[in-house]
């Protein structure tokens, strides 16, 4: 199984444990967000965006950069959609 397949399988497992059974494309409420159960392609794009945002955020913290509240909100929103714990 390639990493993208493994990552999607882990997402589906997190989704099922946190929110139960829902069809791909269905909307459910999670952590105060209305999120959609993602198909593999949508998951891959959202996961890539999340990893990029979180990476830039953490690198900025190491440099001592000022963090924009919008960046924190985006990271939290992406984490909720991926059924992850936000690093911020």
N, C-alpha and C. Protein backbone atom coordinates (compact mmCIF):
# COMPACT_ATOMS: atom_id res chain seq x y z
N UNK A 1 0.85 -1.18 0.00
CA UNK A 1 0.00 0.00 0.00
C UNK A 1 0.90 1.24 0.00
N UNK A 2 0.69 2.16 -0.93
CA UNK A 2 1.49 3.37 -0.97
C UNK A 2 1.04 4.34 0.12
N UNK A 3 1.86 5.34 0.40
CA UNK A 3 1.56 6.26 1.49
C UNK A 3 0.20 6.93 1.34
N UNK A 4 -0.16 7.36 0.14
CA UNK A 4 -1.45 8.03 -0.06
C UNK A 4 -2.60 7.09 0.31
N UNK A 5 -2.47 5.84 -0.08
CA UNK A 5 -3.50 4.85 0.27
C UNK A 5 -3.56 4.62 1.78
N UNK A 6 -2.38 4.52 2.40
CA UNK A 6 -2.32 4.32 3.85
C UNK A 6 -2.92 5.52 4.58
N UNK A 7 -2.55 6.73 4.14
CA UNK A 7 -3.06 7.94 4.77
C UNK A 7 -4.58 8.02 4.66
N UNK A 8 -5.11 7.66 3.50
CA UNK A 8 -6.57 7.70 3.31
C UNK A 8 -7.24 6.64 4.18
N UNK A 9 -6.64 5.46 4.26
CA UNK A 9 -7.20 4.39 5.10
C UNK A 9 -7.21 4.83 6.57
N UNK A 10 -6.15 5.50 7.01
CA UNK A 10 -6.11 6.00 8.39
C UNK A 10 -7.17 7.08 8.62
N UNK A 11 -7.38 7.94 7.61
CA UNK A 11 -8.43 8.96 7.69
C UNK A 11 -9.80 8.30 7.83
N UNK A 12 -10.06 7.29 7.01
CA UNK A 12 -11.35 6.59 7.08
C UNK A 12 -11.54 5.95 8.45
N UNK A 13 -10.47 5.39 9.01
CA UNK A 13 -10.54 4.79 10.34
C UNK A 13 -10.84 5.85 11.40
N UNK A 14 -10.12 6.99 11.34
CA UNK A 14 -10.38 8.09 12.29
C UNK A 14 -11.81 8.58 12.16
N UNK A 15 -12.27 8.73 10.92
CA UNK A 15 -13.62 9.22 10.65
C UNK A 15 -14.65 8.27 11.26
N UNK A 16 -14.50 6.98 11.01
CA UNK A 16 -15.46 5.99 11.51
C UNK A 16 -15.48 5.97 13.04
N UNK A 17 -14.31 6.04 13.67
CA UNK A 17 -14.24 6.02 15.13
C UNK A 17 -14.84 7.28 15.74
N UNK A 18 -14.60 8.43 15.11
CA UNK A 18 -15.08 9.70 15.68
C UNK A 18 -16.53 10.00 15.32
N UNK A 19 -16.94 9.60 14.11
CA UNK A 19 -18.24 10.06 13.62
C UNK A 19 -19.17 8.96 13.15
N UNK A 20 -18.71 7.73 13.18
CA UNK A 20 -19.56 6.64 12.74
C UNK A 20 -19.55 6.48 11.23
N UNK A 21 -20.49 5.71 10.76
CA UNK A 21 -20.57 5.40 9.34
C UNK A 21 -21.29 6.52 8.60
N UNK A 22 -20.66 7.02 7.56
CA UNK A 22 -21.27 8.03 6.69
C UNK A 22 -20.75 7.78 5.28
N UNK A 23 -21.57 8.04 4.31
CA UNK A 23 -21.18 7.85 2.92
C UNK A 23 -20.18 8.94 2.51
N UNK A 24 -19.31 8.61 1.58
CA UNK A 24 -18.40 9.61 1.02
C UNK A 24 -19.26 10.72 0.42
N UNK A 25 -18.92 11.95 0.75
CA UNK A 25 -19.68 13.10 0.28
C UNK A 25 -20.71 13.59 1.28
N UNK A 26 -21.02 12.77 2.29
CA UNK A 26 -21.99 13.17 3.31
C UNK A 26 -21.38 14.21 4.24
N UNK A 27 -22.22 15.07 4.79
CA UNK A 27 -21.79 16.09 5.74
C UNK A 27 -22.14 15.65 7.15
N UNK A 28 -21.20 15.88 8.07
CA UNK A 28 -21.42 15.59 9.50
C UNK A 28 -20.83 16.74 10.31
N UNK A 29 -21.28 16.84 11.56
CA UNK A 29 -20.77 17.88 12.44
C UNK A 29 -19.64 17.30 13.28
N UNK A 30 -18.51 18.02 13.34
CA UNK A 30 -17.33 17.58 14.09
C UNK A 30 -16.60 18.79 14.64
N UNK A 31 -16.41 18.84 15.95
CA UNK A 31 -15.69 19.93 16.62
C UNK A 31 -16.23 21.31 16.22
N UNK A 32 -17.53 21.40 16.11
CA UNK A 32 -18.15 22.67 15.76
C UNK A 32 -18.08 23.02 14.28
N UNK A 33 -17.60 22.09 13.48
CA UNK A 33 -17.48 22.32 12.03
C UNK A 33 -18.41 21.35 11.31
N UNK A 34 -18.99 21.81 10.23
CA UNK A 34 -19.72 20.93 9.33
C UNK A 34 -18.71 20.47 8.29
N UNK A 35 -18.38 19.18 8.32
CA UNK A 35 -17.35 18.68 7.42
C UNK A 35 -17.94 17.61 6.51
N UNK A 36 -17.29 17.44 5.37
CA UNK A 36 -17.72 16.46 4.39
C UNK A 36 -16.76 15.28 4.40
N UNK A 37 -17.29 14.07 4.36
CA UNK A 37 -16.44 12.90 4.24
C UNK A 37 -15.83 12.92 2.85
N UNK A 38 -14.51 12.93 2.81
CA UNK A 38 -13.78 13.16 1.57
C UNK A 38 -13.53 11.88 0.79
N UNK A 39 -13.52 12.00 -0.54
CA UNK A 39 -13.10 10.90 -1.39
C UNK A 39 -11.56 10.92 -1.44
N UNK A 40 -10.92 9.90 -1.99
CA UNK A 40 -9.45 9.85 -1.97
C UNK A 40 -8.77 11.08 -2.59
N UNK A 41 -9.27 11.58 -3.70
CA UNK A 41 -8.64 12.74 -4.34
C UNK A 41 -8.79 14.01 -3.51
N UNK A 42 -9.98 14.24 -2.99
CA UNK A 42 -10.20 15.42 -2.15
C UNK A 42 -9.39 15.32 -0.86
N UNK A 43 -9.30 14.11 -0.30
CA UNK A 43 -8.49 13.92 0.90
C UNK A 43 -7.03 14.24 0.61
N UNK A 44 -6.50 13.73 -0.49
CA UNK A 44 -5.09 13.96 -0.82
C UNK A 44 -4.78 15.45 -0.94
N UNK A 45 -5.67 16.19 -1.59
CA UNK A 45 -5.47 17.64 -1.75
C UNK A 45 -5.55 18.35 -0.40
N UNK A 46 -6.55 18.02 0.41
CA UNK A 46 -6.73 18.67 1.71
C UNK A 46 -5.57 18.31 2.64
N UNK A 47 -5.14 17.07 2.62
CA UNK A 47 -4.04 16.62 3.47
C UNK A 47 -2.74 17.34 3.09
N UNK A 48 -2.49 17.49 1.80
CA UNK A 48 -1.30 18.20 1.31
C UNK A 48 -1.33 19.66 1.78
N UNK A 49 -2.48 20.32 1.65
CA UNK A 49 -2.62 21.71 2.12
C UNK A 49 -2.36 21.80 3.62
N UNK A 50 -2.93 20.86 4.38
CA UNK A 50 -2.76 20.86 5.83
C UNK A 50 -1.28 20.70 6.21
N UNK A 51 -0.62 19.73 5.59
CA UNK A 51 0.79 19.49 5.91
C UNK A 51 1.65 20.69 5.56
N UNK A 52 1.35 21.35 4.44
CA UNK A 52 2.10 22.55 4.04
C UNK A 52 1.86 23.68 5.04
N UNK A 53 0.61 23.94 5.38
CA UNK A 53 0.28 25.00 6.34
C UNK A 53 0.92 24.76 7.70
N UNK A 54 0.77 23.54 8.21
CA UNK A 54 1.33 23.21 9.52
C UNK A 54 2.85 23.31 9.49
N UNK A 55 3.46 22.87 8.41
CA UNK A 55 4.92 22.96 8.29
C UNK A 55 5.41 24.39 8.29
N UNK A 56 4.74 25.25 7.54
CA UNK A 56 5.11 26.68 7.51
C UNK A 56 4.89 27.32 8.87
N UNK A 57 3.80 26.96 9.53
CA UNK A 57 3.49 27.51 10.85
C UNK A 57 4.60 27.14 11.85
N UNK A 58 4.94 25.85 11.90
CA UNK A 58 5.95 25.39 12.86
C UNK A 58 7.33 25.97 12.54
N UNK A 59 7.67 26.10 11.26
CA UNK A 59 8.94 26.72 10.89
C UNK A 59 8.97 28.18 11.30
N UNK A 60 7.85 28.88 11.14
CA UNK A 60 7.75 30.27 11.54
C UNK A 60 7.91 30.44 13.04
N UNK A 61 7.35 29.53 13.81
CA UNK A 61 7.52 29.58 15.26
C UNK A 61 8.98 29.44 15.65
N UNK A 62 9.67 28.53 14.98
CA UNK A 62 11.09 28.33 15.27
C UNK A 62 11.90 29.59 14.96
N UNK A 63 11.50 30.32 13.91
CA UNK A 63 12.20 31.56 13.54
C UNK A 63 11.78 32.74 14.41
N UNK A 64 10.67 32.58 15.13
CA UNK A 64 10.17 33.68 15.95
C UNK A 64 9.28 34.63 15.18
N UNK A 65 8.73 34.16 14.06
CA UNK A 65 7.84 35.00 13.25
C UNK A 65 6.53 35.28 14.00
N UNK A 66 5.89 36.38 13.66
CA UNK A 66 4.56 36.69 14.14
C UNK A 66 3.58 35.84 13.35
N UNK A 67 2.61 35.25 14.04
CA UNK A 67 1.66 34.35 13.39
C UNK A 67 0.33 35.07 13.21
N UNK A 68 -0.18 35.02 12.01
CA UNK A 68 -1.47 35.60 11.67
C UNK A 68 -2.57 34.68 12.17
N UNK A 69 -3.61 35.25 12.78
CA UNK A 69 -4.73 34.46 13.29
C UNK A 69 -5.42 33.65 12.20
N UNK A 70 -5.41 34.17 10.97
CA UNK A 70 -6.03 33.45 9.86
C UNK A 70 -5.31 32.13 9.60
N UNK A 71 -4.00 32.13 9.72
CA UNK A 71 -3.24 30.90 9.52
C UNK A 71 -3.62 29.86 10.57
N UNK A 72 -3.73 30.29 11.82
CA UNK A 72 -4.13 29.39 12.90
C UNK A 72 -5.52 28.83 12.62
N UNK A 73 -6.45 29.67 12.18
CA UNK A 73 -7.81 29.22 11.87
C UNK A 73 -7.80 28.21 10.72
N UNK A 74 -7.01 28.47 9.69
CA UNK A 74 -6.93 27.54 8.56
C UNK A 74 -6.40 26.18 8.99
N UNK A 75 -5.35 26.20 9.83
CA UNK A 75 -4.79 24.93 10.30
C UNK A 75 -5.82 24.17 11.12
N UNK A 76 -6.52 24.86 12.00
CA UNK A 76 -7.55 24.20 12.82
C UNK A 76 -8.68 23.66 11.96
N UNK A 77 -9.11 24.43 10.97
CA UNK A 77 -10.19 23.97 10.08
C UNK A 77 -9.76 22.73 9.29
N UNK A 78 -8.54 22.76 8.75
CA UNK A 78 -8.04 21.61 7.99
C UNK A 78 -7.92 20.38 8.90
N UNK A 79 -7.41 20.57 10.12
CA UNK A 79 -7.27 19.44 11.05
C UNK A 79 -8.64 18.84 11.36
N UNK A 80 -9.64 19.68 11.58
CA UNK A 80 -10.98 19.17 11.86
C UNK A 80 -11.51 18.38 10.68
N UNK A 81 -11.29 18.88 9.47
CA UNK A 81 -11.78 18.19 8.29
C UNK A 81 -11.09 16.85 8.07
N UNK A 82 -9.85 16.75 8.54
CA UNK A 82 -9.10 15.50 8.39
C UNK A 82 -9.20 14.61 9.63
N UNK A 83 -10.01 15.04 10.61
CA UNK A 83 -10.20 14.32 11.86
C UNK A 83 -8.84 14.14 12.56
N UNK A 84 -8.09 15.22 12.65
CA UNK A 84 -6.80 15.25 13.32
C UNK A 84 -6.85 16.23 14.49
N UNK A 85 -5.92 16.08 15.42
CA UNK A 85 -5.75 17.05 16.48
C UNK A 85 -4.87 18.16 15.95
N UNK A 86 -5.33 19.39 16.04
CA UNK A 86 -4.57 20.51 15.52
C UNK A 86 -3.32 20.76 16.36
N UNK A 87 -2.20 21.09 15.71
CA UNK A 87 -0.98 21.38 16.45
C UNK A 87 -1.01 22.78 17.10
N UNK A 88 -2.07 23.55 16.81
CA UNK A 88 -2.18 24.91 17.37
C UNK A 88 -3.51 25.08 18.08
